[in-house]
């Protein structure tokens, strides 16, 4: 499945979402392990997708 997200901060915003999922998963490890595992899997899937993106282009005009 593909999703198009419009994030004002670009990949930095998505990185923050991944960090939030991982922090939330850590908080739920003992009280809701299934949710914690799901959030970790989501975070890793998003991170893997970010790794596949081409690097940002550098502006060569000055």
Protein backbone atom coordinates (compact mmCIF):
# COMPACT_ATOMS: atom_id res chain seq x y z
CA UNK A 1 0.00 0.00 0.00
CA UNK A 2 1.25 3.48 -0.84
CA UNK A 3 0.47 6.61 1.12
CA UNK A 4 1.12 10.22 0.23
CA UNK A 5 1.82 12.41 3.23
CA UNK A 6 2.17 16.16 3.09
CA UNK A 7 4.37 17.10 6.03
CA UNK A 8 5.42 20.73 6.44
CA UNK A 9 8.77 19.68 7.89
CA UNK A 10 9.43 16.99 5.29
CA UNK A 11 11.34 13.91 6.33
CA UNK A 12 12.28 15.58 9.63
CA UNK A 13 8.60 15.39 10.64
CA UNK A 14 8.43 11.74 9.67
CA UNK A 15 11.57 11.01 11.64
CA UNK A 16 9.90 12.60 14.67
CA UNK A 17 6.84 10.38 14.15
CA UNK A 18 9.09 7.30 14.08
CA UNK A 19 10.79 8.42 17.29
CA UNK A 20 7.36 8.95 18.89
CA UNK A 21 6.22 5.47 17.89
CA UNK A 22 9.36 3.96 19.40
CA UNK A 23 8.99 5.98 22.61
CA UNK A 24 5.34 4.98 22.87
CA UNK A 25 6.25 1.34 22.28
CA UNK A 26 8.80 1.49 25.08
CA UNK A 27 6.14 2.92 27.41
CA UNK A 28 3.67 0.13 26.50
CA UNK A 29 6.12 -2.78 26.63
CA UNK A 30 4.80 -4.17 29.93
CA UNK A 31 1.19 -2.98 29.92
CA UNK A 32 0.28 -3.68 26.28
CA UNK A 33 2.97 -5.77 24.61
CA UNK A 34 0.95 -6.42 21.44
CA UNK A 35 0.48 -2.69 20.87
CA UNK A 36 4.14 -2.05 21.63
CA UNK A 37 5.17 -4.64 19.06
CA UNK A 38 2.80 -3.16 16.45
CA UNK A 39 4.15 0.36 17.02
CA UNK A 40 7.74 -0.89 16.76
CA UNK A 41 6.93 -2.69 13.52
CA UNK A 42 5.32 0.48 12.13
CA UNK A 43 8.30 2.58 13.16
CA UNK A 44 10.74 0.17 11.53
CA UNK A 45 8.67 -0.03 8.34
CA UNK A 46 8.55 3.76 8.08
CA UNK A 47 12.28 3.97 8.80
CA UNK A 48 13.03 1.40 6.12
CA UNK A 49 10.93 3.40 3.66
CA UNK A 50 12.81 6.58 4.56
CA UNK A 51 16.08 4.77 3.88
CA UNK A 52 14.89 4.03 0.33
CA UNK A 53 14.30 7.70 -0.51
CA UNK A 54 16.96 9.38 -2.62
CA UNK A 55 19.12 11.89 -0.77
CA UNK A 56 17.98 15.51 -0.97
CA UNK A 57 19.37 17.42 -3.92
CA UNK A 58 21.88 20.10 -3.15
CA UNK A 59 21.23 23.47 -4.72
CA UNK A 60 24.26 24.16 -6.90
CA UNK A 61 23.18 27.66 -7.94
CA UNK A 62 24.55 30.50 -5.90
